[in-house]
């Protein structure tokens, strides 16, 4: 992990892009509810990917606070 702000900016941008893509994918699946009923693993996969990105976001925030000594954020 880099100790500069550009790395964090890139990391946040990638996380945001991934979450946006997941949102679009979820919307597509919602339009086809029958498919989701037959394919429970699709929902599990979407949930897992969303959780992983949220965990990555939280870890990135934690690392940024620690490295740059942000307090009260």
Protein backbone atom coordinates (compact mmCIF):
# COMPACT_ATOMS: atom_id res chain seq x y z
CA UNK A 1 0.00 0.00 0.00
CA UNK A 2 1.26 3.43 -0.91
CA UNK A 3 1.40 6.16 1.69
CA UNK A 4 0.22 8.91 -0.59
CA UNK A 5 -3.13 10.48 -1.25
CA UNK A 6 -3.17 9.58 -4.94
CA UNK A 7 -3.23 5.89 -4.05
CA UNK A 8 -6.26 6.45 -1.81
CA UNK A 9 -8.00 8.53 -4.47
CA UNK A 10 -7.49 5.72 -7.00
CA UNK A 11 -8.63 3.11 -4.49
CA UNK A 12 -11.83 5.03 -3.66
CA UNK A 13 -12.50 5.56 -7.36
CA UNK A 14 -12.14 1.85 -8.11
CA UNK A 15 -14.39 0.90 -5.18
CA UNK A 16 -17.01 3.43 -6.32
CA UNK A 17 -16.88 2.06 -9.88
CA UNK A 18 -17.25 -1.52 -8.63
CA UNK A 19 -20.22 -0.61 -6.43
CA UNK A 20 -21.84 1.27 -9.33
CA UNK A 21 -21.44 -1.79 -11.58
CA UNK A 22 -22.94 -3.99 -8.87
CA UNK A 23 -25.90 -1.61 -8.58
CA UNK A 24 -26.55 -1.84 -12.34
CA UNK A 25 -26.23 -5.62 -12.22
CA UNK A 26 -28.66 -5.85 -9.31
CA UNK A 27 -31.15 -3.62 -11.17
CA UNK A 28 -30.87 -5.89 -14.22
CA UNK A 29 -31.57 -8.97 -12.11
CA UNK A 30 -34.51 -7.31 -10.36
CA UNK A 31 -36.12 -6.79 -13.77
CA UNK A 32 -35.98 -10.55 -14.29
CA UNK A 33 -37.30 -11.82 -10.95
CA UNK A 34 -38.15 -15.29 -12.28
CA UNK A 35 -34.48 -15.84 -13.11
CA UNK A 36 -33.52 -14.86 -9.56
CA UNK A 37 -36.03 -17.28 -8.07
CA UNK A 38 -34.50 -20.12 -10.06
CA UNK A 39 -30.89 -19.06 -9.47
CA UNK A 40 -30.37 -18.40 -5.77
CA UNK A 41 -26.61 -18.45 -6.25
CA UNK A 42 -26.91 -15.22 -8.27
CA UNK A 43 -28.20 -13.38 -5.22
CA UNK A 44 -25.56 -14.98 -3.01
CA UNK A 45 -22.83 -13.93 -5.44
CA UNK A 46 -24.09 -10.35 -5.64
CA UNK A 47 -24.32 -10.15 -1.87
CA UNK A 48 -20.80 -11.51 -1.43
CA UNK A 49 -19.32 -9.09 -3.97
CA UNK A 50 -21.10 -6.12 -2.37
CA UNK A 51 -19.90 -7.14 1.09
CA UNK A 52 -16.32 -7.50 -0.15
CA UNK A 53 -16.37 -3.99 -1.65
CA UNK A 54 -17.85 -2.51 1.53
CA UNK A 55 -15.17 -4.25 3.60
CA UNK A 56 -12.53 -2.92 1.20
CA UNK A 57 -13.97 0.59 1.55
CA UNK A 58 -13.93 0.37 5.35
CA UNK A 59 -10.34 -0.95 5.36
CA UNK A 60 -9.22 1.82 2.99
CA UNK A 61 -10.83 4.45 5.21
CA UNK A 62 -9.18 2.94 8.29
CA UNK A 63 -5.77 2.87 6.60
CA UNK A 64 -6.15 6.45 5.40
CA UNK A 65 -7.04 7.68 8.90
CA UNK A 66 -4.11 5.81 10.42
CA UNK A 67 -1.52 6.89 7.85
CA UNK A 68 -2.52 10.53 7.74
CA UNK A 69 -3.43 10.77 11.45
CA UNK A 70 -6.95 11.96 10.77
CA UNK A 71 -8.89 12.34 13.98
CA UNK A 72 -12.62 12.50 14.50
CA UNK A 73 -13.55 11.46 10.98
